[in-house]
Amino acid sequence: MDLVEIKDLTYFYPQASRPALAGINLSVPAGQFVLVVGGSGSGKTSLLRAVAGLIPAFYGGTMAGRVYLKGEDIG
């Protein structure tokens, strides 16, 4: 089982004209290490907020797609 699975994730912050994340697909098997790197504004923080279940519940905005943590749908 994957520890984290993201399917077709797209996310817009409130009042944003461009998505912070667009069409993200990712599977992270249990026991695997993953490094998230990228330039400023590339979506690193938004991706981790999605995995933590903080968007859109805490930050608002619009999210499409699914995020699973240990097989449980968290967003």
N, C-alpha and C. Protein backbone atom coordinates (compact mmCIF):
# COMPACT_ATOMS: atom_id res chain seq x y z
N MET A 1 0.85 -1.19 0.00
CA MET A 1 0.00 0.00 0.00
C MET A 1 0.89 1.25 0.00
N ASP A 2 0.43 2.26 -0.72
CA ASP A 2 1.15 3.53 -0.73
C ASP A 2 0.86 4.30 0.54
N LEU A 3 1.88 4.95 1.06
CA LEU A 3 1.70 5.82 2.22
C LEU A 3 0.92 7.07 1.81
N VAL A 4 1.32 7.64 0.68
CA VAL A 4 0.64 8.82 0.13
C VAL A 4 0.32 8.54 -1.33
N GLU A 5 -0.89 8.86 -1.73
CA GLU A 5 -1.27 8.78 -3.14
C GLU A 5 -2.08 10.03 -3.49
N ILE A 6 -1.66 10.68 -4.56
CA ILE A 6 -2.34 11.88 -5.04
C ILE A 6 -2.80 11.61 -6.46
N LYS A 7 -4.07 11.89 -6.74
CA LYS A 7 -4.64 11.62 -8.06
C LYS A 7 -5.25 12.89 -8.64
N ASP A 8 -4.67 13.34 -9.75
CA ASP A 8 -5.21 14.47 -10.53
C ASP A 8 -5.51 15.70 -9.67
N LEU A 9 -4.60 16.07 -8.80
CA LEU A 9 -4.81 17.18 -7.87
C LEU A 9 -4.59 18.53 -8.55
N THR A 10 -5.59 19.37 -8.47
CA THR A 10 -5.50 20.76 -8.92
C THR A 10 -6.06 21.62 -7.80
N TYR A 11 -5.36 22.71 -7.48
CA TYR A 11 -5.80 23.56 -6.37
C TYR A 11 -5.59 25.03 -6.72
N PHE A 12 -6.63 25.82 -6.45
CA PHE A 12 -6.59 27.28 -6.59
C PHE A 12 -6.76 27.90 -5.21
N TYR A 13 -5.86 28.79 -4.81
CA TYR A 13 -6.07 29.57 -3.60
C TYR A 13 -7.22 30.54 -3.85
N PRO A 14 -7.87 31.04 -2.78
CA PRO A 14 -8.97 32.00 -2.97
C PRO A 14 -8.51 33.21 -3.80
N GLN A 15 -9.33 33.62 -4.72
CA GLN A 15 -9.10 34.76 -5.61
C GLN A 15 -7.90 34.59 -6.55
N ALA A 16 -7.33 33.40 -6.65
CA ALA A 16 -6.20 33.18 -7.55
C ALA A 16 -6.70 32.93 -8.97
N SER A 17 -6.00 33.47 -9.95
CA SER A 17 -6.37 33.25 -11.35
C SER A 17 -5.64 32.04 -11.94
N ARG A 18 -4.56 31.63 -11.29
CA ARG A 18 -3.79 30.46 -11.74
C ARG A 18 -3.76 29.42 -10.63
N PRO A 19 -3.74 28.15 -10.99
CA PRO A 19 -3.68 27.12 -9.95
C PRO A 19 -2.31 27.06 -9.29
N ALA A 20 -2.29 26.83 -7.99
CA ALA A 20 -1.03 26.60 -7.29
C ALA A 20 -0.51 25.20 -7.61
N LEU A 21 -1.43 24.27 -7.86
CA LEU A 21 -1.11 22.90 -8.25
C LEU A 21 -2.02 22.54 -9.42
N ALA A 22 -1.49 21.85 -10.41
CA ALA A 22 -2.30 21.51 -11.58
C ALA A 22 -1.99 20.09 -12.06
N GLY A 23 -2.98 19.21 -11.95
CA GLY A 23 -2.86 17.86 -12.48
C GLY A 23 -1.78 17.01 -11.84
N ILE A 24 -1.60 17.14 -10.54
CA ILE A 24 -0.55 16.40 -9.83
C ILE A 24 -0.97 14.96 -9.59
N ASN A 25 -0.09 14.03 -9.94
CA ASN A 25 -0.25 12.61 -9.64
C ASN A 25 1.04 12.13 -8.99
N LEU A 26 0.91 11.45 -7.85
CA LEU A 26 2.09 11.03 -7.10
C LEU A 26 1.74 9.85 -6.22
N SER A 27 2.63 8.87 -6.17
CA SER A 27 2.48 7.74 -5.25
C SER A 27 3.78 7.61 -4.47
N VAL A 28 3.68 7.51 -3.16
CA VAL A 28 4.85 7.34 -2.30
C VAL A 28 4.64 6.07 -1.47
N PRO A 29 5.37 5.00 -1.80
CA PRO A 29 5.23 3.77 -1.02
C PRO A 29 5.76 3.96 0.41
N ALA A 30 5.21 3.21 1.33
CA ALA A 30 5.69 3.25 2.72
C ALA A 30 7.17 2.90 2.74
N GLY A 31 7.94 3.63 3.54
CA GLY A 31 9.37 3.39 3.68
C GLY A 31 10.23 4.14 2.69
N GLN A 32 9.64 4.80 1.71
CA GLN A 32 10.40 5.54 0.71
C GLN A 32 10.56 6.99 1.16
N PHE A 33 11.74 7.55 0.93
CA PHE A 33 12.00 8.95 1.22
C PHE A 33 11.78 9.76 -0.05
N VAL A 34 11.19 10.94 0.11
CA VAL A 34 10.92 11.82 -1.03
C VAL A 34 11.41 13.21 -0.69
N LEU A 35 12.10 13.82 -1.61
CA LEU A 35 12.56 15.19 -1.46
C LEU A 35 11.72 16.07 -2.38
N VAL A 36 11.13 17.11 -1.84
CA VAL A 36 10.31 18.04 -2.63
C VAL A 36 11.13 19.30 -2.83
N VAL A 37 11.53 19.55 -4.07
CA VAL A 37 12.36 20.71 -4.40
C VAL A 37 11.73 21.49 -5.54
N GLY A 38 12.07 22.77 -5.60
CA GLY A 38 11.59 23.62 -6.68
C GLY A 38 11.81 25.07 -6.33
N GLY A 39 11.66 25.91 -7.28
CA GLY A 39 11.85 27.33 -7.09
C GLY A 39 10.73 27.95 -6.26
N SER A 40 10.95 29.19 -5.90
CA SER A 40 9.95 29.95 -5.14
C SER A 40 8.65 30.03 -5.95
N GLY A 41 7.54 29.70 -5.29
CA GLY A 41 6.25 29.77 -5.95
C GLY A 41 5.91 28.57 -6.83
N SER A 42 6.70 27.50 -6.73
CA SER A 42 6.47 26.35 -7.60
C SER A 42 5.43 25.37 -7.07
N GLY A 43 4.96 25.55 -5.81
CA GLY A 43 3.90 24.70 -5.28
C GLY A 43 4.33 23.71 -4.21
N LYS A 44 5.57 23.80 -3.74
CA LYS A 44 6.05 22.87 -2.71
C LYS A 44 5.20 22.93 -1.45
N THR A 45 4.98 24.10 -0.93
CA THR A 45 4.19 24.27 0.30
C THR A 45 2.75 23.86 0.06
N SER A 46 2.19 24.22 -1.07
CA SER A 46 0.81 23.83 -1.38
C SER A 46 0.67 22.32 -1.45
N LEU A 47 1.64 21.64 -2.04
CA LEU A 47 1.60 20.18 -2.11
C LEU A 47 1.60 19.56 -0.72
N LEU A 48 2.48 20.04 0.15
CA LEU A 48 2.55 19.50 1.51
C LEU A 48 1.32 19.87 2.33
N ARG A 49 0.73 21.02 2.07
CA ARG A 49 -0.53 21.37 2.74
C ARG A 49 -1.64 20.42 2.32
N ALA A 50 -1.64 20.02 1.06
CA ALA A 50 -2.64 19.05 0.58
C ALA A 50 -2.45 17.70 1.27
N VAL A 51 -1.21 17.25 1.39
CA VAL A 51 -0.93 15.96 2.04
C VAL A 51 -1.30 16.02 3.52
N ALA A 52 -1.14 17.18 4.13
CA ALA A 52 -1.50 17.35 5.55
C ALA A 52 -3.01 17.54 5.75
N GLY A 53 -3.76 17.67 4.66
CA GLY A 53 -5.21 17.85 4.76
C GLY A 53 -5.62 19.27 5.08
N LEU A 54 -4.71 20.23 4.88
CA LEU A 54 -5.00 21.63 5.23
C LEU A 54 -5.68 22.42 4.13
N ILE A 55 -5.58 21.95 2.89
CA ILE A 55 -6.28 22.63 1.81
C ILE A 55 -7.33 21.70 1.25
N PRO A 56 -8.50 22.18 0.97
CA PRO A 56 -8.96 23.56 1.11
C PRO A 56 -9.56 23.87 2.48
N ALA A 57 -9.63 22.89 3.39
CA ALA A 57 -10.34 23.07 4.67
C ALA A 57 -9.86 24.28 5.46
N PHE A 58 -8.56 24.49 5.58
CA PHE A 58 -8.03 25.57 6.41
C PHE A 58 -7.73 26.83 5.59
N TYR A 59 -7.22 26.65 4.37
CA TYR A 59 -6.80 27.78 3.56
C TYR A 59 -7.85 28.24 2.56
N GLY A 60 -8.95 27.49 2.43
CA GLY A 60 -9.99 27.86 1.47
C GLY A 60 -9.57 27.53 0.06
N GLY A 61 -10.25 28.11 -0.89
CA GLY A 61 -9.93 27.86 -2.28
C GLY A 61 -10.72 26.69 -2.84
N THR A 62 -10.30 26.26 -4.02
CA THR A 62 -10.99 25.20 -4.75
C THR A 62 -10.01 24.09 -5.08
N MET A 63 -10.39 22.86 -4.74
CA MET A 63 -9.53 21.71 -5.01
C MET A 63 -10.30 20.67 -5.80
N ALA A 64 -9.64 20.09 -6.79
CA ALA A 64 -10.17 18.95 -7.53
C ALA A 64 -9.14 17.83 -7.45
N GLY A 65 -9.60 16.60 -7.54
CA GLY A 65 -8.70 15.46 -7.40
C GLY A 65 -8.78 14.90 -6.00
N ARG A 66 -7.98 13.89 -5.71
CA ARG A 66 -8.03 13.20 -4.42
C ARG A 66 -6.65 13.07 -3.82
N VAL A 67 -6.60 13.08 -2.48
CA VAL A 67 -5.37 12.84 -1.72
C VAL A 67 -5.67 11.72 -0.73
N TYR A 68 -4.84 10.69 -0.74
CA TYR A 68 -5.01 9.55 0.17
C TYR A 68 -3.78 9.43 1.06
N LEU A 69 -4.00 9.23 2.33
CA LEU A 69 -2.92 9.01 3.30
C LEU A 69 -3.19 7.66 3.95
N LYS A 70 -2.28 6.72 3.75
CA LYS A 70 -2.45 5.34 4.23
C LYS A 70 -3.77 4.75 3.76
N GLY A 71 -4.16 5.06 2.53
CA GLY A 71 -5.38 4.53 1.95
C GLY A 71 -6.65 5.27 2.31
N GLU A 72 -6.56 6.23 3.24
CA GLU A 72 -7.74 6.99 3.66
C GLU A 72 -7.84 8.28 2.85
N ASP A 73 -9.01 8.54 2.30
CA ASP A 73 -9.26 9.74 1.51
C ASP A 73 -9.30 10.95 2.44
N ILE A 74 -8.31 11.84 2.30
CA ILE A 74 -8.27 13.03 3.17
C ILE A 74 -8.58 14.31 2.41
N GLY A 75 -8.86 14.21 1.12
CA GLY A 75 -9.20 15.42 0.39
C GLY A 75 -9.40 15.21 -1.06
